[in-house]
Amino acid sequence: MSPDLPDCAFVPRPPGPPVPPTLSWLGASLWACFFPLFPAPLRQPLQSRAIRRLLTPRYALPSHAPGVEWSAAKWESFWRTSLPHSSRTVLFRFLTGKLTSRSLLFRIVPTLVSSPKCSICRYHDESSVHLLFACPFKMRVWRLAWQRHFATPFDSIQNVVSSFTSWSWPPLRPGTPSLSAPLVLGTILAAHWSAHWRHVYDDIPFSVSNVLISVNKSIQLLRDESRLLYPATL
């Protein structure tokens, strides 16, 4: 038996403390291990959800993460907002400071990623903001797509970054079919993400015109779907 693990991890049925009826065998074993560690007022039958809450450490976002100061209400809005699934995953990693940019990979695995430079513009270090927004090629896509779909002027790439980091949205152009601003911005982001990794893995050049075509096709598809589902709103 391993000296690093308590004996109770290997018994089929934990003795002593009352085991909540919803626990599996593994959960019951853990319950027997950790029951003596609980304060006396907590030594009573608990449901598995309460046990997980007690045993799960608090997770703090990195200080540089854009979402580090988000409230619980804003995170709830993040999960409820309609977005392409691929965009939501990318945005979650961006907001929590976990996006695998070349700058991050160069610090972690320099033997595999030999330079922090962007593989598309080949000039700037690829931070998470550069990866998604600030690369000159991607910035051009954002500017042209913004000018086509949104009513406010495109002053800088900060217009786009702040929309995502503050989770507040610019107005769409008048007469635009009833697609939400986050859905449009998420669709643009998804096109960027796809084109970026086709460049990295398949050596397909990042083409501004091709990404814009992909964006327009995706938005048109969303419009067609909305027209079928909600004809009275268009």
Protein backbone atom coordinates (compact mmCIF):
# COMPACT_ATOMS: atom_id res chain seq x y z
CA MET A 1 0.00 0.00 0.00
CA SER A 2 1.41 3.39 -0.90
CA PRO A 3 2.71 5.34 2.14
CA ASP A 4 1.60 8.62 0.49
CA LEU A 5 -2.11 7.79 0.54
CA PRO A 6 -4.37 7.20 3.53
CA ASP A 7 -5.56 3.65 4.11
CA CYS A 8 -9.18 4.72 3.67
CA ALA A 9 -8.59 5.28 -0.05
CA PHE A 10 -8.39 1.52 -0.50
CA VAL A 11 -11.27 0.22 1.57
CA PRO A 12 -14.43 -0.76 -0.34
CA ARG A 13 -16.79 0.78 2.23
CA PRO A 14 -15.70 3.60 4.55
CA PRO A 15 -16.36 2.91 8.23
CA GLY A 16 -17.38 5.43 10.83
CA PRO A 17 -18.95 8.66 9.52
CA PRO A 18 -22.39 8.52 7.89
CA VAL A 19 -22.02 8.42 4.11
CA PRO A 20 -24.41 10.53 2.01
CA PRO A 21 -26.57 8.16 -0.05
CA THR A 22 -25.79 9.91 -3.36
CA LEU A 23 -22.05 9.22 -3.23
CA SER A 24 -20.34 6.67 -5.46
CA TRP A 25 -17.75 4.23 -4.14
CA LEU A 26 -14.95 6.69 -4.87
CA GLY A 27 -16.89 9.55 -3.33
CA ALA A 28 -17.57 7.45 -0.26
CA SER A 29 -13.89 6.65 0.11
CA LEU A 30 -12.99 10.33 -0.12
CA TRP A 31 -15.72 11.12 2.38
CA ALA A 32 -14.10 8.72 4.87
CA CYS A 33 -10.69 10.29 4.28
CA PHE A 34 -11.71 13.90 4.72
CA PHE A 35 -14.51 13.62 7.27
CA PRO A 36 -12.14 14.00 10.26
CA LEU A 37 -10.78 17.23 8.73
CA PHE A 38 -14.14 19.00 8.74
CA PRO A 39 -15.00 21.36 11.62
CA ALA A 40 -17.27 19.77 14.20
CA PRO A 41 -20.43 21.65 13.07
CA LEU A 42 -20.01 20.19 9.60
CA ARG A 43 -19.72 16.59 10.76
CA GLN A 44 -23.17 15.63 9.67
CA PRO A 45 -24.54 13.95 6.53
CA LEU A 46 -23.96 16.15 3.48
CA GLN A 47 -24.94 15.87 -0.15
CA SER A 48 -22.16 15.35 -2.72
CA ARG A 49 -22.51 18.92 -4.04
CA ALA A 50 -21.72 20.34 -0.61
CA ILE A 51 -18.74 18.00 -0.25
CA ARG A 52 -17.30 19.06 -3.60
CA ARG A 53 -17.72 22.70 -2.61
CA LEU A 54 -15.81 22.12 0.62
CA LEU A 55 -12.97 20.21 -1.03
CA THR A 56 -12.54 22.39 -4.12
CA PRO A 57 -9.84 25.07 -3.74
CA ARG A 58 -10.61 28.64 -4.65
CA TYR A 59 -9.37 29.53 -8.14
CA ALA A 60 -7.94 32.99 -8.72
CA LEU A 61 -7.44 34.34 -12.24
CA PRO A 62 -3.99 35.65 -13.21
CA SER A 63 -3.65 39.35 -12.48
CA HIS A 64 -3.21 40.11 -16.20
CA ALA A 65 -6.40 38.30 -17.23
CA PRO A 66 -8.97 40.69 -18.78
CA GLY A 67 -11.76 39.03 -16.82
CA VAL A 68 -10.04 39.20 -13.43
CA GLU A 69 -12.39 41.93 -12.15
CA TRP A 70 -15.59 40.55 -13.65
CA SER A 71 -18.52 40.11 -11.32
CA ALA A 72 -20.52 36.91 -11.05
CA ALA A 73 -23.36 38.64 -12.90
CA LYS A 74 -21.09 39.48 -15.82
CA TRP A 75 -19.83 35.90 -16.03
CA GLU A 76 -23.41 34.69 -16.01
CA SER A 77 -24.14 37.08 -18.88
CA PHE A 78 -21.10 35.66 -20.70
CA TRP A 79 -22.54 32.14 -20.56
CA ARG A 80 -26.06 33.22 -21.47
CA THR A 81 -25.15 35.47 -24.43
CA SER A 82 -25.67 33.93 -27.86
CA LEU A 83 -22.27 33.26 -29.42
CA PRO A 84 -20.72 30.73 -31.80
CA HIS A 85 -19.41 27.87 -29.67
CA SER A 86 -15.86 28.20 -30.99
CA SER A 87 -15.84 31.91 -30.16
CA ARG A 88 -17.06 31.35 -26.61
CA THR A 89 -14.24 28.88 -25.95
CA VAL A 90 -11.62 31.26 -27.34
CA LEU A 91 -13.05 34.22 -25.43
CA PHE A 92 -13.14 32.26 -22.18
CA ARG A 93 -9.47 31.41 -22.55
CA PHE A 94 -8.68 35.02 -23.45
CA LEU A 95 -10.63 36.48 -20.52
CA THR A 96 -9.08 34.03 -18.05
CA GLY A 97 -5.51 34.62 -19.30
CA LYS A 98 -5.12 31.10 -20.69
CA LEU A 99 -4.91 31.72 -24.43
CA THR A 100 -1.99 29.83 -25.98
CA SER A 101 -0.24 32.69 -27.73
CA ARG A 102 3.32 32.28 -28.97
CA SER A 103 4.57 34.61 -26.22
CA LEU A 104 3.11 32.29 -23.60
CA LEU A 105 4.31 29.11 -25.32
CA PHE A 106 7.80 30.59 -25.76
CA ARG A 107 8.02 31.09 -21.99
CA ILE A 108 6.65 27.63 -21.21
CA VAL A 109 8.17 25.41 -23.93
CA PRO A 110 11.01 27.32 -25.64
CA THR A 111 12.32 24.06 -27.08
CA LEU A 112 9.13 23.73 -29.15
CA VAL A 113 8.33 27.41 -29.82
CA SER A 114 11.61 29.09 -30.69
CA SER A 115 10.31 32.67 -30.95
CA PRO A 116 7.50 34.77 -29.48
CA LYS A 117 7.06 36.59 -32.80
CA CYS A 118 3.74 36.41 -34.62
CA SER A 119 3.90 33.86 -37.42
CA ILE A 120 1.65 36.02 -39.63
CA CYS A 121 3.07 39.54 -39.45
CA ARG A 122 6.50 38.25 -38.30
CA TYR A 123 7.24 41.54 -36.54
CA HIS A 124 5.40 41.87 -33.22
CA ASP A 125 5.43 39.49 -30.29
CA GLU A 126 2.24 37.42 -30.31
CA SER A 127 0.46 38.29 -27.08
CA SER A 128 -3.13 37.18 -26.59
CA VAL A 129 -4.38 40.61 -27.73
CA HIS A 130 -2.13 40.47 -30.78
CA LEU A 131 -3.25 36.92 -31.58
CA LEU A 132 -6.95 37.81 -31.65
CA PHE A 133 -7.04 41.49 -32.52
CA ALA A 134 -3.90 43.57 -32.97
CA CYS A 135 -1.94 41.76 -35.69
CA PRO A 136 -1.99 44.22 -38.64
CA PHE A 137 -3.64 41.63 -40.92
CA LYS A 138 -6.34 40.79 -38.37
CA MET A 139 -6.83 44.44 -37.48
CA ARG A 140 -7.68 45.14 -41.10
CA VAL A 141 -10.34 42.42 -41.06
CA TRP A 142 -11.80 43.83 -37.85
CA ARG A 143 -11.86 47.36 -39.28
CA LEU A 144 -13.57 46.40 -42.55
CA ALA A 145 -16.08 44.07 -40.87
CA TRP A 146 -16.84 46.69 -38.19
CA GLN A 147 -17.45 49.38 -40.78
CA ARG A 148 -19.84 47.10 -42.63
CA HIS A 149 -21.93 45.92 -39.69
CA PHE A 150 -21.77 48.55 -36.93
CA ALA A 151 -23.09 52.10 -36.70
CA THR A 152 -20.29 53.58 -34.60
CA PRO A 153 -17.00 54.55 -36.28
CA PHE A 154 -13.97 52.30 -35.96
CA ASP A 155 -11.45 54.50 -34.13
CA SER A 156 -8.96 51.77 -33.24
CA ILE A 157 -8.76 48.09 -32.46
CA GLN A 158 -9.56 49.07 -28.89
CA ASN A 159 -13.19 49.39 -30.01
CA VAL A 160 -13.28 45.63 -30.50
CA VAL A 161 -11.15 44.68 -27.48
CA SER A 162 -13.19 46.80 -25.09
CA SER A 163 -16.45 45.35 -26.42
CA PHE A 164 -15.32 41.90 -25.31
CA THR A 165 -13.51 42.87 -22.10
CA SER A 166 -16.32 45.13 -20.84
CA TRP A 167 -19.04 42.87 -22.30
CA SER A 168 -20.86 45.90 -23.74
CA TRP A 169 -21.80 46.18 -27.39
CA PRO A 170 -21.85 48.80 -30.15
CA PRO A 171 -25.10 49.40 -32.04
CA LEU A 172 -25.55 47.60 -35.33
CA ARG A 173 -26.28 49.56 -38.51
CA PRO A 174 -29.90 50.67 -38.94
CA GLY A 175 -31.89 48.17 -40.93
CA THR A 176 -29.58 45.30 -40.06
CA PRO A 177 -31.59 42.09 -39.61
CA SER A 178 -32.10 41.10 -36.00
CA LEU A 179 -28.74 39.57 -35.22
CA SER A 180 -27.20 40.61 -31.93
CA ALA A 181 -23.93 42.55 -31.80
CA PRO A 182 -22.13 39.85 -29.77
CA LEU A 183 -23.21 37.21 -32.27
CA VAL A 184 -21.78 39.28 -35.15
CA LEU A 185 -18.53 40.00 -33.31
CA GLY A 186 -18.26 36.36 -32.24
CA THR A 187 -18.70 35.26 -35.85
CA ILE A 188 -15.87 37.57 -36.95
CA LEU A 189 -13.67 36.19 -34.17
CA ALA A 190 -14.43 32.59 -35.19
CA ALA A 191 -13.33 33.35 -38.76
CA HIS A 192 -10.07 34.84 -37.46
CA TRP A 193 -9.42 31.83 -35.24
CA SER A 194 -10.02 29.33 -38.02
CA ALA A 195 -7.83 31.20 -40.52
CA HIS A 196 -5.06 31.60 -37.95
CA TRP A 197 -4.73 27.87 -37.28
CA ARG A 198 -5.03 26.95 -40.95
CA HIS A 199 -1.99 29.17 -41.40
CA VAL A 200 -0.13 27.54 -38.48
CA TYR A 201 -0.89 23.89 -39.25
CA ASP A 202 -1.57 23.81 -43.00
CA ASP A 203 0.70 26.67 -44.17
CA ILE A 204 -2.30 28.41 -45.76
CA PRO A 205 -1.55 32.15 -45.92
CA PHE A 206 -3.75 34.39 -43.79
CA SER A 207 -5.72 36.28 -46.44
CA VAL A 208 -7.73 39.33 -45.38
CA SER A 209 -10.10 38.97 -48.34
CA ASN A 210 -10.71 35.27 -47.69
CA VAL A 211 -11.44 35.86 -44.01
CA LEU A 212 -13.90 38.62 -44.92
CA ILE A 213 -15.63 36.29 -47.38
CA SER A 214 -15.90 33.68 -44.63
CA VAL A 215 -17.31 36.29 -42.22
CA ASN A 216 -19.92 37.47 -44.72
CA LYS A 217 -20.99 33.91 -45.56
CA SER A 218 -21.35 33.01 -41.89
CA ILE A 219 -23.36 36.13 -41.09
CA GLN A 220 -25.59 35.54 -44.11
CA LEU A 221 -26.18 31.99 -42.88
CA LEU A 222 -27.17 33.33 -39.47
CA ARG A 223 -29.57 35.75 -41.13
CA ASP A 224 -31.15 32.97 -43.16
CA GLU A 225 -31.57 30.84 -40.05
CA SER A 226 -33.09 33.79 -38.19
CA ARG A 227 -35.47 34.43 -41.06
CA LEU A 228 -36.72 30.85 -40.85
CA LEU A 229 -37.06 30.85 -37.08
CA TYR A 230 -38.35 34.40 -36.51
CA PRO A 231 -39.87 35.64 -39.80
CA ALA A 232 -41.85 38.42 -38.13
CA THR A 233 -38.70 40.12 -36.80
CA LEU A 234 -37.04 40.63 -40.21
